[in-house]
Amino acid sequence: MSSKKDSLESGLKDTANLITENVELKDRVTKFEQGIEEIKKDARAQLNIGSITLAGIKDVKKLEDIVNRNRQKRSQWDFPSV
């Protein structure tokens, strides 16, 4: 009888250890998932900032093109001084 009792107690301890390990692993996975979500948010924010910066660069380039065209048009109509 004592061996069955010892066997059952040992099984209960093993089960309790497994449950504890399972809870700890779930906590770690949850923390990792939260960390991944934070990294995703940061990456999205950087992409948004990057696209705004690129849009600004494109706008500046367009303005430079307009100014250069206007300069070329003016230089065509400039008469050489005598």
PDB file of N, CA and C in Angstrom:
ATOM      1  N   MET A   1       0.811  -1.184   0.000  1.00  0.00           N
ATOM      2  CA  MET A   1       0.000   0.000   0.000  1.00  0.00           C
ATOM      3  C   MET A   1       0.857   1.251   0.000  1.00  0.00           C
ATOM      4  N   SER A   2       1.891   1.183   0.734  1.00  0.00           N
ATOM      5  CA  SER A   2       2.756   2.352   0.849  1.00  0.00           C
ATOM      6  C   SER A   2       3.412   2.675  -0.482  1.00  0.00           C
ATOM      7  N   SER A   3       3.722   1.655  -1.285  1.00  0.00           N
ATOM      8  CA  SER A   3       4.350   1.914  -2.582  1.00  0.00           C
ATOM      9  C   SER A   3       3.361   2.592  -3.538  1.00  0.00           C
ATOM     10  N   LYS A   4       2.082   2.188  -3.472  1.00  0.00           N
ATOM     11  CA  LYS A   4       1.078   2.843  -4.304  1.00  0.00           C
ATOM     12  C   LYS A   4       0.902   4.292  -3.879  1.00  0.00           C
ATOM     13  N   LYS A   5       0.911   4.506  -2.572  1.00  0.00           N
ATOM     14  CA  LYS A   5       0.753   5.856  -2.039  1.00  0.00           C
ATOM     15  C   LYS A   5       1.930   6.715  -2.475  1.00  0.00           C
ATOM     16  N   ASP A   6       3.128   6.172  -2.364  1.00  0.00           N
ATOM     17  CA  ASP A   6       4.321   6.910  -2.789  1.00  0.00           C
ATOM     18  C   ASP A   6       4.275   7.208  -4.289  1.00  0.00           C
ATOM     19  N   SER A   7       3.810   6.227  -5.034  1.00  0.00           N
ATOM     20  CA  SER A   7       3.711   6.394  -6.483  1.00  0.00           C
ATOM     21  C   SER A   7       2.714   7.496  -6.833  1.00  0.00           C
ATOM     22  N   LEU A   8       1.571   7.506  -6.153  1.00  0.00           N
ATOM     23  CA  LEU A   8       0.563   8.540  -6.398  1.00  0.00           C
ATOM     24  C   LEU A   8       1.075   9.923  -5.995  1.00  0.00           C
ATOM     25  N   GLU A   9       1.744   9.999  -4.843  1.00  0.00           N
ATOM     26  CA  GLU A   9       2.286  11.284  -4.391  1.00  0.00           C
ATOM     27  C   GLU A   9       3.343  11.802  -5.364  1.00  0.00           C
ATOM     28  N   SER A  10       4.159  10.899  -5.855  1.00  0.00           N
ATOM     29  CA  SER A  10       5.186  11.278  -6.822  1.00  0.00           C
ATOM     30  C   SER A  10       4.536  11.784  -8.114  1.00  0.00           C
ATOM     31  N   GLY A  11       3.490  11.097  -8.540  1.00  0.00           N
ATOM     32  CA  GLY A  11       2.763  11.521  -9.744  1.00  0.00           C
ATOM     33  C   GLY A  11       2.119  12.881  -9.563  1.00  0.00           C
ATOM     34  N   LEU A  12       1.572  13.128  -8.364  1.00  0.00           N
ATOM     35  CA  LEU A  12       0.966  14.427  -8.083  1.00  0.00           C
ATOM     36  C   LEU A  12       2.013  15.539  -8.097  1.00  0.00           C
ATOM     37  N   LYS A  13       3.184  15.251  -7.527  1.00  0.00           N
ATOM     38  CA  LYS A  13       4.256  16.246  -7.533  1.00  0.00           C
ATOM     39  C   LYS A  13       4.705  16.543  -8.962  1.00  0.00           C
ATOM     40  N   ASP A  14       4.824  15.485  -9.766  1.00  0.00           N
ATOM     41  CA  ASP A  14       5.210  15.679 -11.168  1.00  0.00           C
ATOM     42  C   ASP A  14       4.170  16.517 -11.904  1.00  0.00           C
ATOM     43  N   THR A  15       2.901  16.216 -11.648  1.00  0.00           N
ATOM     44  CA  THR A  15       1.823  16.974 -12.288  1.00  0.00           C
ATOM     45  C   THR A  15       1.860  18.435 -11.849  1.00  0.00           C
ATOM     46  N   ALA A  16       2.081  18.657 -10.559  1.00  0.00           N
ATOM     47  CA  ALA A  16       2.155  20.027 -10.048  1.00  0.00           C
ATOM     48  C   ALA A  16       3.330  20.768 -10.677  1.00  0.00           C
ATOM     49  N   ASN A  17       4.465  20.083 -10.815  1.00  0.00           N
ATOM     50  CA  ASN A  17       5.631  20.711 -11.448  1.00  0.00           C
ATOM     51  C   ASN A  17       5.343  21.058 -12.909  1.00  0.00           C
ATOM     52  N   LEU A  18       4.665  20.155 -13.603  1.00  0.00           N
ATOM     53  CA  LEU A  18       4.325  20.412 -15.002  1.00  0.00           C
ATOM     54  C   LEU A  18       3.373  21.599 -15.136  1.00  0.00           C
ATOM     55  N   ILE A  19       2.411  21.683 -14.235  1.00  0.00           N
ATOM     56  CA  ILE A  19       1.468  22.805 -14.264  1.00  0.00           C
ATOM     57  C   ILE A  19       2.206  24.115 -14.008  1.00  0.00           C
ATOM     58  N   THR A  20       3.100  24.108 -13.027  1.00  0.00           N
ATOM     59  CA  THR A  20       3.883  25.307 -12.723  1.00  0.00           C
ATOM     60  C   THR A  20       4.739  25.710 -13.918  1.00  0.00           C
ATOM     61  N   GLU A  21       5.406  24.751 -14.531  1.00  0.00           N
ATOM     62  CA  GLU A  21       6.232  25.041 -15.706  1.00  0.00           C
ATOM     63  C   GLU A  21       5.374  25.574 -16.851  1.00  0.00           C
ATOM     64  N   ASN A  22       4.183  25.009 -17.015  1.00  0.00           N
ATOM     65  CA  ASN A  22       3.276  25.454 -18.068  1.00  0.00           C
ATOM     66  C   ASN A  22       2.883  26.919 -17.859  1.00  0.00           C
ATOM     67  N   VAL A  23       2.561  27.274 -16.627  1.00  0.00           N
ATOM     68  CA  VAL A  23       2.194  28.657 -16.317  1.00  0.00           C
ATOM     69  C   VAL A  23       3.372  29.589 -16.582  1.00  0.00           C
ATOM     70  N   GLU A  24       4.568  29.185 -16.165  1.00  0.00           N
ATOM     71  CA  GLU A  24       5.755  30.009 -16.392  1.00  0.00           C
ATOM     72  C   GLU A  24       6.019  30.192 -17.887  1.00  0.00           C
ATOM     73  N   LEU A  25       5.872  29.120 -18.647  1.00  0.00           N
ATOM     74  CA  LEU A  25       6.087  29.208 -20.093  1.00  0.00           C
ATOM     75  C   LEU A  25       5.047  30.103 -20.759  1.00  0.00           C
ATOM     76  N   LYS A  26       3.805  30.007 -20.308  1.00  0.00           N
ATOM     77  CA  LYS A  26       2.764  30.878 -20.856  1.00  0.00           C
ATOM     78  C   LYS A  26       3.082  32.343 -20.574  1.00  0.00           C
ATOM     79  N   ASP A  27       3.575  32.636 -19.375  1.00  0.00           N
ATOM     80  CA  ASP A  27       3.960  34.007 -19.036  1.00  0.00           C
ATOM     81  C   ASP A  27       5.085  34.497 -19.937  1.00  0.00           C
ATOM     82  N   ARG A  28       6.080  33.647 -20.163  1.00  0.00           N
ATOM     83  CA  ARG A  28       7.205  34.030 -21.029  1.00  0.00           C
ATOM     84  C   ARG A  28       6.738  34.277 -22.457  1.00  0.00           C
ATOM     85  N   VAL A  29       5.865  33.409 -22.949  1.00  0.00           N
ATOM     86  CA  VAL A  29       5.344  33.574 -24.312  1.00  0.00           C
ATOM     87  C   VAL A  29       4.566  34.886 -24.418  1.00  0.00           C
ATOM     88  N   THR A  30       3.768  35.188 -23.410  1.00  0.00           N
ATOM     89  CA  THR A  30       3.006  36.437 -23.406  1.00  0.00           C
ATOM     90  C   THR A  30       3.940  37.635 -23.442  1.00  0.00           C
ATOM     91  N   LYS A  31       5.014  37.604 -22.659  1.00  0.00           N
ATOM     92  CA  LYS A  31       5.983  38.704 -22.660  1.00  0.00           C
ATOM     93  C   LYS A  31       6.658  38.830 -24.024  1.00  0.00           C
ATOM     94  N   PHE A  32       7.007  37.705 -24.632  1.00  0.00           N
ATOM     95  CA  PHE A  32       7.617  37.740 -25.966  1.00  0.00           C
ATOM     96  C   PHE A  32       6.650  38.329 -26.989  1.00  0.00           C
ATOM     97  N   GLU A  33       5.382  37.927 -26.907  1.00  0.00           N
ATOM     98  CA  GLU A  33       4.385  38.452 -27.843  1.00  0.00           C
ATOM     99  C   GLU A  33       4.221  39.957 -27.671  1.00  0.00           C
ATOM    100  N   GLN A  34       4.235  40.432 -26.427  1.00  0.00           N
ATOM    101  CA  GLN A  34       4.135  41.870 -26.184  1.00  0.00           C
ATOM    102  C   GLN A  34       5.351  42.592 -26.750  1.00  0.00           C
ATOM    103  N   GLY A  35       6.519  42.001 -26.576  1.00  0.00           N
ATOM    104  CA  GLY A  35       7.736  42.591 -27.128  1.00  0.00           C
ATOM    105  C   GLY A  35       7.688  42.663 -28.641  1.00  0.00           C
ATOM    106  N   ILE A  36       7.180  41.615 -29.261  1.00  0.00           N
ATOM    107  CA  ILE A  36       7.054  41.593 -30.721  1.00  0.00           C
ATOM    108  C   ILE A  36       6.089  42.681 -31.181  1.00  0.00           C
ATOM    109  N   GLU A  37       4.984  42.855 -30.472  1.00  0.00           N
ATOM    110  CA  GLU A  37       4.021  43.901 -30.836  1.00  0.00           C
ATOM    111  C   GLU A  37       4.656  45.289 -30.725  1.00  0.00           C
ATOM    112  N   GLU A  38       5.464  45.503 -29.693  1.00  0.00           N
ATOM    113  CA  GLU A  38       6.153  46.791 -29.550  1.00  0.00           C
ATOM    114  C   GLU A  38       7.114  47.024 -30.711  1.00  0.00           C
ATOM    115  N   ILE A  39       7.835  45.984 -31.090  1.00  0.00           N
ATOM    116  CA  ILE A  39       8.767  46.098 -32.219  1.00  0.00           C
ATOM    117  C   ILE A  39       8.000  46.413 -33.498  1.00  0.00           C
ATOM    118  N   LYS A  40       6.843  45.764 -33.684  1.00  0.00           N
ATOM    119  CA  LYS A  40       6.024  46.036 -34.867  1.00  0.00           C
ATOM    120  C   LYS A  40       5.559  47.489 -34.883  1.00  0.00           C
ATOM    121  N   LYS A  41       5.117  47.994 -33.716  1.00  0.00           N
ATOM    122  CA  LYS A  41       4.664  49.388 -33.644  1.00  0.00           C
ATOM    123  C   LYS A  41       5.799  50.338 -33.996  1.00  0.00           C
ATOM    124  N   ASP A  42       6.987  50.077 -33.458  1.00  0.00           N
ATOM    125  CA  ASP A  42       8.140  50.924 -33.756  1.00  0.00           C
ATOM    126  C   ASP A  42       8.478  50.886 -35.237  1.00  0.00           C
ATOM    127  N   ALA A  43       8.411  49.700 -35.821  1.00  0.00           N
ATOM    128  CA  ALA A  43       8.727  49.569 -37.249  1.00  0.00           C
ATOM    129  C   ALA A  43       7.707  50.321 -38.095  1.00  0.00           C
ATOM    130  N   ARG A  44       6.429  50.224 -37.722  1.00  0.00           N
ATOM    131  CA  ARG A  44       5.392  50.957 -38.464  1.00  0.00           C
ATOM    132  C   ARG A  44       5.613  52.457 -38.343  1.00  0.00           C
ATOM    133  N   ALA A  45       5.954  52.918 -37.151  1.00  0.00           N
ATOM    134  CA  ALA A  45       6.194  54.350 -36.955  1.00  0.00           C
ATOM    135  C   ALA A  45       7.373  54.810 -37.798  1.00  0.00           C
ATOM    136  N   GLN A  46       8.431  54.020 -37.855  1.00  0.00           N
ATOM    137  CA  GLN A  46       9.592  54.391 -38.664  1.00  0.00           C
ATOM    138  C   GLN A  46       9.240  54.407 -40.137  1.00  0.00           C
ATOM    139  N   LEU A  47       8.415  53.476 -40.588  1.00  0.00           N
ATOM    140  CA  LEU A  47       7.992  53.471 -41.986  1.00  0.00           C
ATOM    141  C   LEU A  47       7.177  54.716 -42.300  1.00  0.00           C
ATOM    142  N   ASN A  48       6.291  55.100 -41.377  1.00  0.00           N
ATOM    143  CA  ASN A  48       5.486  56.301 -41.590  1.00  0.00           C
ATOM    144  C   ASN A  48       6.367  57.536 -41.658  1.00  0.00           C
ATOM    145  N   ILE A  49       7.333  57.627 -40.763  1.00  0.00           N
ATOM    146  CA  ILE A  49       8.255  58.763 -40.775  1.00  0.00           C
ATOM    147  C   ILE A  49       9.059  58.753 -42.066  1.00  0.00           C
ATOM    148  N   GLY A  50       9.505  57.582 -42.480  1.00  0.00           N
ATOM    149  CA  GLY A  50      10.273  57.468 -43.713  1.00  0.00           C
ATOM    150  C   GLY A  50       9.473  57.891 -44.925  1.00  0.00           C
ATOM    151  N   SER A  51       8.197  57.519 -44.980  1.00  0.00           N
ATOM    152  CA  SER A  51       7.384  57.893 -46.138  1.00  0.00           C
ATOM    153  C   SER A  51       7.118  59.387 -46.144  1.00  0.00           C
ATOM    154  N   ILE A  52       6.958  59.987 -44.969  1.00  0.00           N
ATOM    155  CA  ILE A  52       6.780  61.439 -44.902  1.00  0.00           C
ATOM    156  C   ILE A  52       8.044  62.128 -45.382  1.00  0.00           C
ATOM    157  N   THR A  53       9.187  61.631 -44.963  1.00  0.00           N
ATOM    158  CA  THR A  53      10.455  62.210 -45.378  1.00  0.00           C
ATOM    159  C   THR A  53      10.627  62.079 -46.884  1.00  0.00           C
ATOM    160  N   LEU A  54      10.317  60.907 -47.427  1.00  0.00           N
ATOM    161  CA  LEU A  54      10.431  60.709 -48.870  1.00  0.00           C
ATOM    162  C   LEU A  54       9.471  61.619 -49.624  1.00  0.00           C
ATOM    163  N   ALA A  55       8.282  61.793 -49.100  1.00  0.00           N
ATOM    164  CA  ALA A  55       7.319  62.677 -49.750  1.00  0.00           C
ATOM    165  C   ALA A  55       7.849  64.107 -49.754  1.00  0.00           C
ATOM    166  N   GLY A  56       8.457  64.516 -48.651  1.00  0.00           N
ATOM    167  CA  GLY A  56       9.038  65.858 -48.585  1.00  0.00           C
ATOM    168  C   GLY A  56      10.164  66.031 -49.579  1.00  0.00           C
ATOM    169  N   ILE A  57      10.994  65.016 -49.730  1.00  0.00           N
ATOM    170  CA  ILE A  57      12.107  65.076 -50.683  1.00  0.00           C
ATOM    171  C   ILE A  57      11.561  65.173 -52.103  1.00  0.00           C
ATOM    172  N   LYS A  58      10.514  64.425 -52.400  1.00  0.00           N
ATOM    173  CA  LYS A  58       9.909  64.478 -53.733  1.00  0.00           C
ATOM    174  C   LYS A  58       9.334  65.862 -54.004  1.00  0.00           C
ATOM    175  N   ASP A  59       8.695  66.467 -52.991  1.00  0.00           N
ATOM    176  CA  ASP A  59       8.143  67.810 -53.163  1.00  0.00           C
ATOM    177  C   ASP A  59       9.246  68.819 -53.443  1.00  0.00           C
ATOM    178  N   VAL A  60      10.342  68.723 -52.722  1.00  0.00           N
ATOM    179  CA  VAL A  60      11.466  69.632 -52.937  1.00  0.00           C
ATOM    180  C   VAL A  60      12.023  69.445 -54.338  1.00  0.00           C
ATOM    181  N   LYS A  61      12.137  68.208 -54.770  1.00  0.00           N
ATOM    182  CA  LYS A  61      12.645  67.926 -56.117  1.00  0.00           C
ATOM    183  C   LYS A  61      11.729  68.544 -57.172  1.00  0.00           C
ATOM    184  N   LYS A  62      10.418  68.440 -56.991  1.00  0.00           N
ATOM    185  CA  LYS A  62       9.471  69.043 -57.934  1.00  0.00           C
ATOM    186  C   LYS A  62       9.659  70.559 -57.980  1.00  0.00           C
ATOM    187  N   LEU A  63       9.813  71.178 -56.820  1.00  0.00           N
ATOM    188  CA  LEU A  63      10.021  72.624 -56.778  1.00  0.00           C
ATOM    189  C   LEU A  63      11.314  73.013 -57.483  1.00  0.00           C
ATOM    190  N   GLU A  64      12.362  72.234 -57.273  1.00  0.00           N
ATOM    191  CA  GLU A  64      13.628  72.515 -57.956  1.00  0.00           C
ATOM    192  C   GLU A  64      13.458  72.416 -59.465  1.00  0.00           C
ATOM    193  N   ASP A  65      12.719  71.428 -59.925  1.00  0.00           N
ATOM    194  CA  ASP A  65      12.472  71.280 -61.364  1.00  0.00           C
ATOM    195  C   ASP A  65      11.719  72.487 -61.920  1.00  0.00           C
ATOM    196  N   ILE A  66      10.720  72.958 -61.186  1.00  0.00           N
ATOM    197  CA  ILE A  66       9.950  74.127 -61.628  1.00  0.00           C
ATOM    198  C   ILE A  66      10.850  75.354 -61.711  1.00  0.00           C
ATOM    199  N   VAL A  67      11.667  75.563 -60.689  1.00  0.00           N
ATOM    200  CA  VAL A  67      12.576  76.715 -60.688  1.00  0.00           C
ATOM    201  C   VAL A  67      13.544  76.627 -61.859  1.00  0.00           C
ATOM    202  N   ASN A  68      14.088  75.455 -62.108  1.00  0.00           N
ATOM    203  CA  ASN A  68      15.028  75.291 -63.223  1.00  0.00           C
ATOM    204  C   ASN A  68      14.346  75.564 -64.563  1.00  0.00           C
ATOM    205  N   ARG A  69      13.111  75.108 -64.745  1.00  0.00           N
ATOM    206  CA  ARG A  69      12.383  75.380 -65.986  1.00  0.00           C
ATOM    207  C   ARG A  69      12.152  76.875 -66.166  1.00  0.00           C
ATOM    208  N   ASN A  70      11.778  77.537 -65.078  1.00  0.00           N
ATOM    209  CA  ASN A  70      11.554  78.981 -65.157  1.00  0.00           C
ATOM    210  C   ASN A  70      12.847  79.707 -65.500  1.00  0.00           C
ATOM    211  N   ARG A  71      13.946  79.279 -64.941  1.00  0.00           N
ATOM    212  CA  ARG A  71      15.239  79.905 -65.258  1.00  0.00           C
ATOM    213  C   ARG A  71      15.579  79.721 -66.733  1.00  0.00           C
ATOM    214  N   GLN A  72      15.327  78.518 -67.236  1.00  0.00           N
ATOM    215  CA  GLN A  72      15.618  78.259 -68.650  1.00  0.00           C
ATOM    216  C   GLN A  72      14.749  79.136 -69.554  1.00  0.00           C
ATOM    217  N   LYS A  73      13.484  79.282 -69.204  1.00  0.00           N
ATOM    218  CA  LYS A  73      12.593  80.125 -70.007  1.00  0.00           C
ATOM    219  C   LYS A  73      13.069  81.577 -69.982  1.00  0.00           C
ATOM    220  N   ARG A  74      13.459  82.057 -68.804  1.00  0.00           N
ATOM    221  CA  ARG A  74      13.938  83.438 -68.706  1.00  0.00           C
ATOM    222  C   ARG A  74      15.218  83.636 -69.492  1.00  0.00           C
ATOM    223  N   SER A  75      16.117  82.644 -69.447  1.00  0.00           N
ATOM    224  CA  SER A  75      17.391  82.795 -70.151  1.00  0.00           C
ATOM    225  C   SER A  75      17.181  82.816 -71.665  1.00  0.00           C
ATOM    226  N   GLN A  76      16.124  82.200 -72.164  1.00  0.00           N
ATOM    227  CA  GLN A  76      15.829  82.238 -73.599  1.00  0.00           C
ATOM    228  C   GLN A  76      15.429  83.646 -74.028  1.00  0.00           C
ATOM    229  N   TRP A  77      14.784  84.373 -73.143  1.00  0.00           N
ATOM    230  CA  TRP A  77      14.289  85.700 -73.494  1.00  0.00           C
ATOM    231  C   TRP A  77      15.251  86.806 -73.104  1.00  0.00           C
ATOM    232  N   ASP A  78      16.307  86.455 -72.408  1.00  0.00           N
ATOM    233  CA  ASP A  78      17.292  87.481 -72.048  1.00  0.00           C
ATOM    234  C   ASP A  78      18.050  87.892 -73.298  1.00  0.00           C
ATOM    235  N   PHE A  79      18.171  89.192 -73.484  1.00  0.00           N
ATOM    236  CA  PHE A  79      18.925  89.697 -74.632  1.00  0.00           C
ATOM    237  C   PHE A  79      20.339  89.994 -74.182  1.00  0.00           C
ATOM    238  N   PRO A  80      21.286  89.627 -74.986  1.00  0.00           N
ATOM    239  CA  PRO A  80      22.662  89.918 -74.588  1.00  0.00           C
ATOM    240  C   PRO A  80      22.891  91.427 -74.549  1.00  0.00           C
ATOM    241  N   SER A  81      23.609  91.848 -73.552  1.00  0.00           N
ATOM    242  CA  SER A  81      23.889  93.282 -73.441  1.00  0.00           C
ATOM    243  C   SER A  81      24.972  93.666 -74.430  1.00  0.00           C
ATOM    244  N   VAL A  82      24.875  94.875 -74.968  1.00  0.00           N
ATOM    245  CA  VAL A  82      25.803  95.332 -76.007  1.00  0.00           C
ATOM    246  C   VAL A  82      26.901  96.150 -75.404  1.00  0.00           C
TER     247      VAL A  82
END
